[in-house]
Amino acid sequence: PAGDNRGWPSRGVFFLNRLILGNSPPIPNVAAVSSAGVYDNFDDSSNDAASGWSVSFNGKGNQSIQGIVADDSIVFLTSNKVFAQNPLIDCPLSVSTFYFAPQSQDPASAIEAVTIDNQILHVSGNYSQVMQVVYSTADAKYMATPIGLLSSQLFYFWFAANSCFMW
């Protein structure tokens, strides 16, 4: 299992014929992208379009990747911001074409995000509300808004030794 004992990444997705892994305990702000079609090769020594690479996300405080969502584009939910590739760009993901721009100042928690009907739902960094992340063509970026229509006191989170939660 992933976690502090072994140092393995705790987040991962498949996107455009690549495996993307992130949030390993020694380097929680770095994501590794595999070579195209070779899911166990993260070698970044060559600089061709099919090779793997890594990307780091930096911000204020302890920055770490809390979630990776692959849908129309790749979205990284971090402990500080949302980073994403623009879904309107029609080019393959490679070391020379990727750019995960900062989208919104919306910290995420370690609870795994879900995708429902082209929207990403995740728990805010302070565990007080559920956030909705959608791409806004008018703003040309992903925007996050709270979706809890009721009082925030109705959302209860309980973390046990295994980081379980209940709503």
Protein backbone atom coordinates (compact mmCIF):
# COMPACT_ATOMS: atom_id res chain seq x y z
CA PRO A 1 0.00 0.00 0.00
CA ALA A 2 1.00 3.61 -0.51
CA GLY A 3 2.09 5.58 2.49
CA ASP A 4 4.89 6.81 4.69
CA ASN A 5 6.30 3.35 5.44
CA ARG A 6 7.32 2.62 1.85
CA GLY A 7 7.50 6.04 0.22
CA TRP A 8 5.32 5.12 -2.75
CA PRO A 9 3.05 7.67 -4.46
CA SER A 10 -0.49 7.77 -3.12
CA ARG A 11 -2.18 9.36 -6.17
CA GLY A 12 -2.24 8.21 -9.77
CA VAL A 13 -4.25 8.29 -13.01
CA PHE A 14 -4.00 7.18 -16.62
CA PHE A 15 -4.22 10.03 -19.13
CA LEU A 16 -3.56 9.99 -22.89
CA ASN A 17 -1.65 6.71 -22.86
CA ARG A 18 0.52 7.71 -19.88
CA LEU A 19 0.55 6.88 -16.17
CA ILE A 20 0.84 9.89 -13.87
CA LEU A 21 1.84 9.32 -10.23
CA GLY A 22 2.21 11.86 -7.45
CA ASN A 23 2.32 12.62 -3.72
CA SER A 24 5.10 10.35 -2.55
CA PRO A 25 6.19 11.12 1.04
CA PRO A 26 9.74 12.27 0.20
CA ILE A 27 8.56 14.65 -2.57
CA PRO A 28 4.81 15.32 -2.15
CA ASN A 29 4.74 18.20 -4.66
CA VAL A 30 6.18 16.25 -7.62
CA ALA A 31 4.27 14.22 -10.22
CA ALA A 32 6.01 11.73 -12.50
CA VAL A 33 4.66 11.11 -16.00
CA SER A 34 5.49 7.80 -17.70
CA SER A 35 6.72 7.28 -21.22
CA ALA A 36 3.93 7.04 -23.80
CA GLY A 37 2.46 3.54 -23.73
CA VAL A 38 5.05 2.20 -21.26
CA TYR A 39 3.48 2.54 -17.84
CA ASP A 40 6.49 1.34 -15.85
CA ASN A 41 9.05 3.65 -17.53
CA PHE A 42 9.50 7.09 -15.98
CA ASP A 43 12.95 7.65 -17.51
CA ASP A 44 13.43 11.31 -18.37
CA SER A 45 16.99 11.06 -19.74
CA SER A 46 15.93 11.49 -23.37
CA ASN A 47 14.16 14.58 -24.63
CA ASP A 48 11.83 13.07 -27.20
CA ALA A 49 8.05 13.37 -27.33
CA ALA A 50 7.45 9.83 -26.06
CA SER A 51 9.73 9.96 -23.01
CA GLY A 52 8.63 10.50 -19.43
CA TRP A 53 9.24 13.54 -17.25
CA SER A 54 8.38 14.99 -13.88
CA VAL A 55 6.76 18.25 -12.86
CA SER A 56 6.76 20.02 -9.51
CA PHE A 57 4.07 22.26 -8.07
CA ASN A 58 5.28 25.04 -5.83
CA GLY A 59 3.38 27.41 -3.62
CA LYS A 60 3.24 28.88 -0.18
CA GLY A 61 3.65 26.53 2.74
CA ASN A 62 3.75 22.77 2.54
CA GLN A 63 2.69 22.13 -1.05
CA SER A 64 1.53 18.59 -1.86
CA ILE A 65 -0.56 16.89 -4.52
CA GLN A 66 -3.87 15.92 -2.89
CA GLY A 67 -5.61 14.59 -5.99
CA ILE A 68 -5.10 14.00 -9.70
CA VAL A 69 -8.16 13.95 -11.95
CA ALA A 70 -8.05 12.89 -15.60
CA ASP A 71 -11.10 13.84 -17.65
CA ASP A 72 -11.07 16.23 -20.62
CA SER A 73 -7.72 17.45 -19.32
CA ILE A 74 -5.43 16.63 -16.44
CA VAL A 75 -6.18 18.49 -13.20
CA PHE A 76 -3.96 18.51 -10.10
CA LEU A 77 -5.60 19.42 -6.80
CA THR A 78 -2.89 20.52 -4.38
CA SER A 79 -2.80 21.73 -0.81
CA ASN A 80 -2.54 25.27 -2.14
CA LYS A 81 -4.06 25.63 -5.64
CA VAL A 82 -5.64 23.89 -8.59
CA PHE A 83 -3.30 23.31 -11.55
CA ALA A 84 -4.47 22.07 -14.95
CA GLN A 85 -3.82 21.76 -18.62
CA ASN A 86 -6.27 23.71 -20.77
CA PRO A 87 -8.86 21.21 -22.14
CA LEU A 88 -9.24 23.24 -25.34
CA ILE A 89 -5.65 22.59 -26.46
CA ASP A 90 -5.59 19.79 -29.00
CA CYS A 91 -2.03 18.49 -28.79
CA PRO A 92 -0.54 15.34 -27.27
CA LEU A 93 0.89 15.48 -23.78
CA SER A 94 4.70 15.52 -24.01
CA VAL A 95 7.69 17.04 -22.26
CA SER A 96 7.74 19.91 -24.74
CA THR A 97 3.98 20.64 -24.88
CA PHE A 98 2.73 20.27 -21.29
CA TYR A 99 1.86 23.26 -19.15
CA PHE A 100 -0.11 22.87 -15.95
CA ALA A 101 -1.09 26.46 -15.25
CA PRO A 102 -2.36 27.62 -11.86
CA GLN A 103 -6.15 27.86 -12.07
CA SER A 104 -7.68 28.93 -8.78
CA GLN A 105 -6.53 29.52 -5.23
CA ASP A 106 -8.46 26.56 -3.85
CA PRO A 107 -6.67 24.23 -1.41
CA ALA A 108 -7.78 20.60 -1.43
CA SER A 109 -7.76 18.02 1.34
CA ALA A 110 -6.37 14.50 1.22
CA ILE A 111 -9.85 13.04 0.62
CA GLU A 112 -9.93 11.72 -2.94
CA ALA A 113 -11.82 13.88 -5.46
CA VAL A 114 -14.55 12.50 -7.74
CA THR A 115 -15.80 13.48 -11.20
CA ILE A 116 -19.53 13.69 -11.88
CA ASP A 117 -21.02 15.17 -15.07
CA ASN A 118 -17.91 17.17 -16.12
CA GLN A 119 -17.41 18.61 -12.67
CA ILE A 120 -14.79 17.74 -10.08
CA LEU A 121 -15.99 17.51 -6.49
CA HIS A 122 -13.47 17.66 -3.66
CA VAL A 123 -13.32 18.56 0.01
CA SER A 124 -11.71 21.90 0.82
CA GLY A 125 -8.34 22.07 2.53
CA ASN A 126 -9.87 22.96 5.91
CA TYR A 127 -12.46 20.12 5.61
CA SER A 128 -15.36 22.55 6.00
CA GLN A 129 -17.06 22.37 2.60
CA VAL A 130 -17.37 20.46 -0.64
CA MET A 131 -16.02 22.34 -3.65
CA GLN A 132 -17.04 22.10 -7.31
CA VAL A 133 -14.35 22.64 -9.96
CA VAL A 134 -15.52 23.24 -13.54
CA TYR A 135 -13.89 24.71 -16.62
CA SER A 136 -15.17 28.19 -17.45
CA THR A 137 -14.74 29.11 -21.10
CA ALA A 138 -15.44 32.77 -20.26
CA ASP A 139 -12.54 32.86 -17.78
CA ALA A 140 -10.43 30.33 -19.76
CA LYS A 141 -9.59 28.38 -16.62
CA TYR A 142 -10.97 26.02 -14.01
CA MET A 143 -13.03 27.78 -11.36
CA ALA A 144 -13.87 26.42 -7.91
CA THR A 145 -17.01 27.26 -5.94
CA PRO A 146 -18.56 25.79 -2.79
CA ILE A 147 -21.57 23.58 -3.50
CA GLY A 148 -22.87 23.09 0.03
CA LEU A 149 -26.27 24.77 -0.21
CA LEU A 150 -26.95 24.03 3.42
CA SER A 151 -25.06 25.13 6.48
CA SER A 152 -21.46 23.97 6.72
CA GLN A 153 -22.35 22.39 10.08
CA LEU A 154 -24.16 19.63 8.18
CA PHE A 155 -20.87 18.34 6.83
CA TYR A 156 -19.17 16.23 9.49
CA PHE A 157 -15.81 14.58 8.99
CA TRP A 158 -14.30 12.08 11.28
CA PHE A 159 -10.77 10.89 10.75
CA ALA A 160 -9.79 7.59 12.29
CA ALA A 161 -6.35 6.01 12.25
CA ASN A 162 -6.83 5.02 8.62
CA SER A 163 -8.06 8.47 7.50
CA CYS A 164 -11.66 7.33 7.02
CA PHE A 165 -14.42 9.88 6.79
CA MET A 166 -18.18 10.02 7.18
CA TRP A 167 -20.70 12.55 5.94
